[in-house]
Amino acid sequence: MNHKILYLPCFVYVISFSSLLLLYQIGWSDLFPKLSGFLLGFLFITILLAFLLTFLQKKTLKINVNNVDLSPLFIKKALYFIAIGYSLDFLYEFTIPIVKTFLVSSYSYDEFKGIPTLHSILGTFNIFLSILLADRYLAIKNRKAFFQFLLTLIPYVLIMNRGAFMIVFSAFVFLYLIRLKKINFISVFRSLGIVLLVLYLFGVVGNIRAEQTKDDKEYLLRVAGATDSFLDSGVPVEFYWSYIYIISPMGNLQNIILEKEDHFEISNIGIFATTQLFPDFISKRLVAIFGYEDEIEAFDPSYYLVTPLLNAPTVYYGSYLALGSFGLIFMYVVIMISSLVYPLLIKKDSKYYLTALASLNSIILLATFNNMWYAVGTILLWPIIFSVADRIKL
């Protein structure tokens, strides 16, 4: 079976938002509002346009399955950088989040900030390296390569960063599909089993991370409005974390559209650009340079959340907050332009090419949860940086 379409960036948008719409209709929660005509129309049109662009991309985008020829010295230095960087982070904060979570029930993992700037660079480089070494393992299939890949996952456990793990896992799936010669029953069955395991573990970690669910396992079911259809389904509670985490961003987006006036102001374009289109550590500096601190403080995104516990907002939430429906349209255009243009920025024969494509696909896939351009957009720069460094033999 020719499955190239499954890992084309434009089609990833189709998969992501179509799946979200379908899951939202299951109705395992009565907490979130029903989707309105405006939002349904916007999503339907954007999914349809992305589907049409997929056929253009399928004809024009030639994807080479390259070897990942990394020198042992590069891998060694990269792993040392991550180990030393996170050690400095832990010393700076004088804590390791996973340890403190078990020792202090009131501790919240999001209190951990690390060393300013270094932590942001370290985090996105860690994700880039994880994806790169995942590609290397899939290319050569030996134990040492797999062990080196696993080493890059340890920091996500220590700082309890589910988001980073989901980006890497998503990228791993795309890399697996790219390197898979054909899809058969065994590959589908294996992939489905891995996805179910990851979703289950996602719920286990959620129960550990959230202060309220450490002692009360039914807390999430109550606050998330679990319906009788779920309670009677026999599905393990751990899977409810995944379900509610997947659908809550759409519920929050629908809520802000219902609660906030659809108003466009030209003066907010700068705020939109600086806060929505750049990685966070760049965004914060741009906000300071242009003096947007007071205006941004007036925007309270948490006010329009259905519940503070489930604060994932989708890529479109902040866009609507700043520019109304025009913000949704503009953000969609940015996503599609990135889908079509970014794969062309790196040479097809580069050992970083598949890593770049898988990273982009992960960002688009997880756009249903958050504005990934702001959260981890820097990972798209690392393949370009190293590709340039290789060409000039830096």
Protein backbone atom coordinates (compact mmCIF):
# COMPACT_ATOMS: atom_id res chain seq x y z
CA MET A 1 0.00 0.00 0.00
CA ASN A 2 1.31 3.45 -0.94
CA HIS A 3 1.06 5.30 2.35
CA LYS A 4 3.07 8.43 1.53
CA ILE A 5 -0.01 10.58 2.08
CA LEU A 6 0.00 9.69 5.81
CA TYR A 7 3.16 11.68 6.52
CA LEU A 8 2.62 14.70 4.29
CA PRO A 9 2.31 17.82 6.50
CA CYS A 10 -0.91 19.04 4.85
CA PHE A 11 -2.57 15.67 5.42
CA VAL A 12 -1.39 15.58 9.02
CA TYR A 13 -3.59 18.65 9.62
CA VAL A 14 -6.51 16.72 8.11
CA ILE A 15 -5.85 13.73 10.39
CA SER A 16 -5.38 15.82 13.51
CA PHE A 17 -8.45 18.02 13.37
CA SER A 18 -10.74 15.40 11.82
CA SER A 19 -9.87 12.96 14.62
CA LEU A 20 -10.51 15.65 17.21
CA LEU A 21 -13.96 16.39 15.78
CA LEU A 22 -14.86 12.70 15.81
CA LEU A 23 -13.68 12.18 19.40
CA TYR A 24 -15.57 15.28 20.54
CA GLN A 25 -18.78 13.68 19.31
CA ILE A 26 -18.35 10.55 21.46
CA GLY A 27 -19.85 12.50 24.36
CA TRP A 28 -17.96 11.11 27.33
CA SER A 29 -18.04 14.53 29.00
CA ASP A 30 -20.93 16.95 29.58
CA LEU A 31 -18.59 19.72 30.74
CA PHE A 32 -17.83 21.30 27.37
CA PRO A 33 -20.21 23.20 25.07
CA LYS A 34 -21.50 21.78 21.81
CA LEU A 35 -19.63 22.95 18.74
CA SER A 36 -21.32 25.91 17.06
CA GLY A 37 -21.98 26.50 13.37
CA PHE A 38 -19.13 29.03 13.05
CA LEU A 39 -16.43 26.78 14.51
CA LEU A 40 -17.73 23.71 12.70
CA GLY A 41 -17.74 25.66 9.43
CA PHE A 42 -14.22 26.97 9.97
CA LEU A 43 -12.85 23.53 10.78
CA PHE A 44 -14.67 21.86 7.89
CA ILE A 45 -13.36 24.42 5.37
CA THR A 46 -9.77 24.31 6.68
CA ILE A 47 -9.76 20.49 6.69
CA LEU A 48 -11.12 20.42 3.14
CA LEU A 49 -8.53 22.95 1.90
CA ALA A 50 -5.73 21.04 3.62
CA PHE A 51 -6.98 17.83 1.98
CA LEU A 52 -6.86 19.48 -1.46
CA LEU A 53 -3.37 20.86 -0.78
CA THR A 54 -2.29 17.34 0.15
CA PHE A 55 -2.60 16.23 -3.47
CA LEU A 56 -0.46 19.16 -4.58
CA GLN A 57 2.13 18.28 -1.97
CA LYS A 58 2.04 14.60 -2.90
CA LYS A 59 3.04 15.47 -6.47
CA THR A 60 5.65 18.09 -5.66
CA LEU A 61 7.34 16.86 -2.46
CA LYS A 62 9.97 14.19 -3.07
CA ILE A 63 10.99 12.50 0.17
CA ASN A 64 14.32 10.67 0.32
CA VAL A 65 14.85 7.98 2.95
CA ASN A 66 18.43 8.78 3.95
CA ASN A 67 20.95 7.14 6.23
CA VAL A 68 21.61 8.98 9.49
CA ASP A 69 25.39 9.01 9.55
CA LEU A 70 26.20 10.60 12.91
CA SER A 71 29.70 10.52 14.32
CA PRO A 72 30.13 8.90 17.76
CA LEU A 73 31.77 12.15 18.93
CA PHE A 74 28.70 14.21 17.96
CA ILE A 75 26.38 11.86 19.86
CA LYS A 76 28.68 11.83 22.88
CA LYS A 77 28.94 15.63 23.03
CA ALA A 78 25.18 16.05 22.53
CA LEU A 79 24.36 13.64 25.36
CA TYR A 80 26.90 15.34 27.63
CA PHE A 81 25.35 18.71 26.84
CA ILE A 82 21.91 17.46 27.85
CA ALA A 83 23.17 15.74 31.02
CA ILE A 84 25.18 18.78 32.16
CA GLY A 85 22.45 21.23 31.17
CA TYR A 86 19.72 19.50 33.16
CA SER A 87 22.07 18.99 36.11
CA LEU A 88 22.61 22.76 36.16
CA ASP A 89 18.84 23.26 35.92
CA PHE A 90 18.28 21.00 38.93
CA LEU A 91 20.98 22.78 40.92
CA TYR A 92 19.53 26.18 39.98
CA GLU A 93 16.04 25.15 41.15
CA PHE A 94 17.47 22.96 43.92
CA THR A 95 14.95 20.27 43.04
CA ILE A 96 14.12 17.43 40.65
CA PRO A 97 10.41 17.61 39.80
CA ILE A 98 9.63 13.87 39.80
CA VAL A 99 11.32 13.41 43.19
CA LYS A 100 9.64 16.41 44.77
CA THR A 101 6.27 15.35 43.39
CA PHE A 102 6.44 12.12 45.37
CA LEU A 103 7.81 13.82 48.48
CA VAL A 104 5.59 16.92 48.59
CA SER A 105 1.94 16.38 47.65
CA SER A 106 1.32 20.12 47.15
CA TYR A 107 4.18 20.50 44.62
CA SER A 108 3.20 21.16 41.02
CA TYR A 109 5.58 20.18 38.21
CA ASP A 110 4.96 23.48 36.37
CA GLU A 111 6.76 25.34 39.18
CA PHE A 112 10.02 24.08 37.67
CA LYS A 113 11.43 26.77 35.33
CA GLY A 114 15.15 26.01 35.14
CA ILE A 115 17.81 28.51 34.13
CA PRO A 116 16.28 31.28 31.98
CA THR A 117 17.04 30.97 28.23
CA LEU A 118 19.29 27.93 28.78
CA HIS A 119 16.29 25.82 29.79
CA SER A 120 14.39 26.76 26.60
CA ILE A 121 17.38 26.01 24.37
CA LEU A 122 18.14 22.82 26.25
CA GLY A 123 14.55 21.60 26.07
CA THR A 124 14.11 22.05 22.32
CA PHE A 125 17.58 20.68 21.55
CA ASN A 126 16.72 17.64 23.66
CA ILE A 127 13.57 17.07 21.57
CA PHE A 128 15.52 17.52 18.34
CA LEU A 129 18.17 15.04 19.48
CA SER A 130 15.54 12.52 20.56
CA ILE A 131 13.92 12.63 17.12
CA LEU A 132 17.28 12.50 15.34
CA LEU A 133 18.43 9.47 17.34
CA ALA A 134 15.04 7.84 16.84
CA ASP A 135 15.55 8.19 13.09
CA ARG A 136 19.07 6.77 13.44
CA TYR A 137 17.75 3.76 15.36
CA LEU A 138 15.04 3.08 12.76
CA ALA A 139 17.69 3.32 10.04
CA ILE A 140 20.31 0.95 11.53
CA LYS A 141 18.25 -1.07 14.08
CA ASN A 142 20.87 -1.92 16.70
CA ARG A 143 20.71 -1.98 20.49
CA LYS A 144 23.30 0.72 21.08
CA ALA A 145 21.38 3.16 18.89
CA PHE A 146 18.16 2.33 20.75
CA PHE A 147 19.89 2.79 24.13
CA GLN A 148 21.23 6.20 23.07
CA PHE A 149 17.72 7.20 22.01
CA LEU A 150 16.32 6.10 25.39
CA LEU A 151 18.94 8.21 27.20
CA THR A 152 17.45 11.34 25.61
CA LEU A 153 14.03 10.48 27.11
CA ILE A 154 15.24 10.45 30.71
CA PRO A 155 14.97 14.26 31.17
CA TYR A 156 11.28 14.16 30.19
CA VAL A 157 10.69 11.71 33.04
CA LEU A 158 12.72 13.73 35.55
CA ILE A 159 10.90 17.00 34.80
CA MET A 160 7.59 15.21 34.09
CA ASN A 161 7.25 16.74 30.65
CA ARG A 162 4.49 14.77 28.92
CA GLY A 163 4.33 17.32 26.12
CA ALA A 164 7.92 16.72 25.02
CA PHE A 165 7.40 12.98 25.17
CA MET A 166 4.28 13.22 22.99
CA ILE A 167 6.16 15.30 20.41
CA VAL A 168 8.94 12.70 20.26
CA PHE A 169 6.47 9.81 20.19
CA SER A 170 4.49 11.45 17.36
CA ALA A 171 7.70 12.07 15.42
CA PHE A 172 8.76 8.46 16.00
CA VAL A 173 5.49 7.27 14.45
CA PHE A 174 6.00 9.48 11.40
CA LEU A 175 9.60 8.29 11.02
CA TYR A 176 8.40 4.70 11.29
CA LEU A 177 5.82 5.31 8.55
CA ILE A 178 8.36 7.00 6.30
CA ARG A 179 10.83 4.13 6.61
CA LEU A 180 8.12 1.47 6.36
CA LYS A 181 8.12 0.00 2.86
CA LYS A 182 4.48 -1.04 3.00
CA ILE A 183 1.66 -1.21 5.51
CA ASN A 184 0.35 -4.65 6.47
CA PHE A 185 -1.81 -6.13 9.23
CA ILE A 186 1.12 -6.78 11.58
CA SER A 187 2.43 -3.21 11.35
CA VAL A 188 -1.06 -1.79 11.96
CA PHE A 189 -1.68 -4.12 14.93
CA ARG A 190 1.72 -3.31 16.45
CA SER A 191 1.22 0.43 15.99
CA LEU A 192 -2.26 0.31 17.55
CA GLY A 193 -0.90 -1.57 20.56
CA ILE A 194 1.86 1.00 21.09
CA VAL A 195 -0.60 3.90 20.80
CA LEU A 196 -2.94 2.33 23.39
CA LEU A 197 -0.02 1.73 25.75
CA VAL A 198 1.15 5.34 25.41
CA LEU A 199 -2.38 6.67 26.02
CA TYR A 200 -2.67 4.49 29.14
CA LEU A 201 0.70 5.63 30.49
CA PHE A 202 -0.31 9.22 29.72
CA GLY A 203 -3.17 8.76 32.17
CA VAL A 204 -0.93 7.12 34.78
CA VAL A 205 1.48 10.07 34.66
CA GLY A 206 -1.47 12.48 34.76
CA ASN A 207 -2.65 10.94 38.03
CA ILE A 208 0.85 11.32 39.47
CA ARG A 209 1.40 14.89 38.25
CA ALA A 210 -1.92 16.39 39.32
CA GLU A 211 -2.07 17.20 43.03
CA GLN A 212 -5.80 16.47 43.29
CA THR A 213 -5.59 12.99 41.74
CA LYS A 214 -2.70 11.73 43.83
CA ASP A 215 -5.09 10.66 46.59
CA ASP A 216 -8.46 10.87 44.83
CA LYS A 217 -8.55 8.76 41.67
CA GLU A 218 -12.14 9.81 40.92
CA TYR A 219 -11.36 13.55 40.98
CA LEU A 220 -10.83 13.89 37.24
CA LEU A 221 -14.08 12.05 36.47
CA ARG A 222 -16.01 14.53 38.60
CA VAL A 223 -14.45 17.79 37.43
CA ALA A 224 -14.36 16.74 33.77
CA GLY A 225 -18.03 15.79 33.74
CA ALA A 226 -17.66 12.10 32.94
CA THR A 227 -20.98 10.86 31.57
CA ASP A 228 -22.75 7.61 32.35
CA SER A 229 -21.81 6.32 28.92
CA PHE A 230 -18.15 6.40 29.94
CA LEU A 231 -18.72 5.14 33.49
CA ASP A 232 -20.69 2.17 32.11
CA SER A 233 -18.25 1.49 29.27
CA GLY A 234 -15.69 -0.43 31.36
CA VAL A 235 -12.85 1.63 29.88
CA PRO A 236 -10.02 2.10 32.46
CA VAL A 237 -10.01 5.52 34.12
CA GLU A 238 -6.43 6.10 32.92
CA PHE A 239 -7.72 6.38 29.34
CA TYR A 240 -10.07 9.17 30.42
CA TRP A 241 -7.05 11.41 30.95
CA SER A 242 -6.14 10.98 27.29
CA TYR A 243 -9.70 11.44 26.08
CA ILE A 244 -10.41 14.56 28.10
CA TYR A 245 -6.99 16.01 27.35
CA ILE A 246 -7.60 15.51 23.62
CA ILE A 247 -11.08 17.05 23.48
CA SER A 248 -10.71 19.81 26.11
CA PRO A 249 -8.74 22.18 23.82
CA MET A 250 -11.61 22.17 21.33
CA GLY A 251 -14.04 22.75 24.18
CA ASN A 252 -11.97 25.72 25.36
CA LEU A 253 -11.82 27.12 21.83
CA GLN A 254 -15.59 26.82 21.47
CA ASN A 255 -16.03 28.49 24.85
CA ILE A 256 -13.95 31.55 24.00
CA ILE A 257 -15.85 31.94 20.72
CA LEU A 258 -19.12 31.87 22.66
CA GLU A 259 -17.99 34.12 25.51
CA LYS A 260 -15.75 36.71 23.79
CA GLU A 261 -16.94 39.18 21.19
CA ASP A 262 -15.52 38.55 17.73
CA HIS A 263 -13.63 41.83 17.45
CA PHE A 264 -10.71 42.79 15.20
CA GLU A 265 -8.35 45.63 16.10
CA ILE A 266 -5.38 46.56 13.93
CA SER A 267 -3.46 47.58 17.05
CA ASN A 268 -3.50 43.94 18.20
CA ILE A 269 -1.68 42.62 15.13
CA GLY A 270 1.70 43.24 16.75
CA ILE A 271 0.63 41.44 19.90
CA PHE A 272 -0.66 38.54 17.82
CA ALA A 273 2.57 38.30 15.83
CA THR A 274 4.92 38.44 18.81
CA THR A 275 2.94 36.06 21.04
CA GLN A 276 1.66 33.50 18.53
CA LEU A 277 4.21 33.15 15.74
CA PHE A 278 7.53 32.88 17.60
CA PRO A 279 9.02 30.39 20.10
CA ASP A 280 8.48 31.46 23.69
CA PHE A 281 12.00 32.63 24.56
CA ILE A 282 12.05 34.79 21.41
CA SER A 283 8.47 35.92 21.96
CA LYS A 284 9.17 37.18 25.49
CA ARG A 285 12.04 39.31 24.25
CA LEU A 286 10.02 40.73 21.37
CA VAL A 287 7.21 41.62 23.78
CA ALA A 288 9.72 43.50 25.94
CA ILE A 289 11.32 45.24 22.95
CA PHE A 290 7.98 46.50 21.58
CA GLY A 291 6.58 47.30 25.02
CA TYR A 292 3.52 45.05 24.85
CA GLU A 293 3.66 43.96 28.50
CA ASP A 294 0.72 46.06 29.68
CA GLU A 295 -1.50 45.17 26.72
CA ILE A 296 -0.78 41.45 27.12
CA GLU A 297 -1.48 41.64 30.83
CA ALA A 298 -4.95 42.91 29.95
CA PHE A 299 -5.54 39.71 27.96
CA ASP A 300 -6.47 36.97 30.41
CA PRO A 301 -6.64 33.69 28.45
CA SER A 302 -7.56 31.69 31.55
CA TYR A 303 -10.82 33.68 31.89
CA TYR A 304 -12.33 31.83 28.92
CA LEU A 305 -11.27 28.32 29.90
CA VAL A 306 -14.06 25.93 30.77
CA THR A 307 -12.07 24.81 33.84
CA PRO A 308 -8.55 25.78 35.03
CA LEU A 309 -7.64 22.09 35.42
CA LEU A 310 -7.95 21.52 31.67
CA ASN A 311 -6.13 24.49 30.21
CA ALA A 312 -4.95 23.17 26.83
CA PRO A 313 -6.08 25.77 24.27
CA THR A 314 -5.40 24.56 20.66
CA VAL A 315 -3.29 26.57 18.23
CA TYR A 316 -6.27 28.82 17.51
CA TYR A 317 -7.20 29.92 21.04
CA GLY A 318 -4.65 32.73 21.41
CA SER A 319 -5.28 33.83 17.83
CA TYR A 320 -8.97 34.34 18.52
CA LEU A 321 -8.18 36.08 21.80
CA ALA A 322 -6.01 38.63 19.99
CA LEU A 323 -7.75 39.11 16.64
CA GLY A 324 -11.08 37.29 16.70
CA SER A 325 -12.05 35.15 13.71
CA PHE A 326 -9.42 36.92 11.57
CA GLY A 327 -6.80 35.47 13.92
CA LEU A 328 -8.06 31.94 13.21
CA ILE A 329 -7.79 32.49 9.46
CA PHE A 330 -4.33 34.03 9.69
CA MET A 331 -3.02 31.22 11.89
CA TYR A 332 -4.37 28.62 9.48
CA VAL A 333 -2.58 30.36 6.59
CA VAL A 334 0.65 30.26 8.62
CA ILE A 335 0.22 26.52 9.23
CA MET A 336 -0.37 25.75 5.56
CA ILE A 337 2.52 27.94 4.36
CA SER A 338 4.80 26.23 6.87
CA SER A 339 3.56 22.82 5.70
CA LEU A 340 4.40 23.62 2.09
CA VAL A 341 7.58 25.68 2.49
CA TYR A 342 9.52 24.28 5.47
CA PRO A 343 10.25 20.85 3.86
CA LEU A 344 11.91 22.75 1.00
CA LEU A 345 14.37 24.56 3.28
CA ILE A 346 16.53 21.51 3.93
CA LYS A 347 18.25 19.49 1.22
CA LYS A 348 16.63 16.14 0.53
CA ASP A 349 19.94 14.30 0.94
CA SER A 350 20.62 15.81 4.38
CA LYS A 351 20.79 13.38 7.29
CA TYR A 352 18.57 15.84 9.17
CA TYR A 353 15.84 15.92 6.52
CA LEU A 354 13.55 13.24 7.96
CA THR A 355 14.05 14.63 11.45
CA ALA A 356 12.92 18.04 10.18
CA LEU A 357 9.87 16.59 8.43
CA ALA A 358 8.87 14.48 11.43
CA SER A 359 9.28 17.50 13.75
CA LEU A 360 7.04 19.63 11.55
CA ASN A 361 4.43 16.87 11.39
CA SER A 362 4.46 16.53 15.19
CA ILE A 363 3.93 20.27 15.64
CA ILE A 364 0.98 20.20 13.23
CA LEU A 365 -0.49 17.02 14.74
CA LEU A 366 -0.34 18.44 18.26
CA ALA A 367 -1.68 21.84 17.19
CA THR A 368 -5.02 20.54 18.43
CA PHE A 369 -3.59 20.79 21.97
CA ASN A 370 -1.61 24.00 21.96
CA ASN A 371 0.20 26.61 19.91
CA MET A 372 3.22 24.41 19.27
CA TRP A 373 4.96 27.18 17.30
CA TYR A 374 5.20 29.11 20.57
CA ALA A 375 5.85 26.09 22.78
CA VAL A 376 8.52 24.21 20.82
CA GLY A 377 8.90 25.95 17.47
CA THR A 378 12.66 26.16 17.99
CA ILE A 379 13.02 22.45 17.18
CA LEU A 380 12.40 23.39 13.54
CA LEU A 381 15.52 25.56 13.61
CA TRP A 382 17.90 22.84 14.80
CA PRO A 383 17.86 20.77 11.55
CA ILE A 384 18.54 23.96 9.57
CA ILE A 385 21.35 25.00 11.93
CA PHE A 386 23.09 21.62 11.74
CA SER A 387 22.56 21.32 7.99
CA VAL A 388 24.29 24.66 7.50
CA ALA A 389 27.03 23.69 9.96
CA ASP A 390 27.68 20.49 7.99
CA ARG A 391 27.93 22.36 4.70
CA ILE A 392 30.50 24.79 6.05
CA LYS A 393 32.14 21.95 8.02
CA LEU A 394 31.74 23.75 11.32
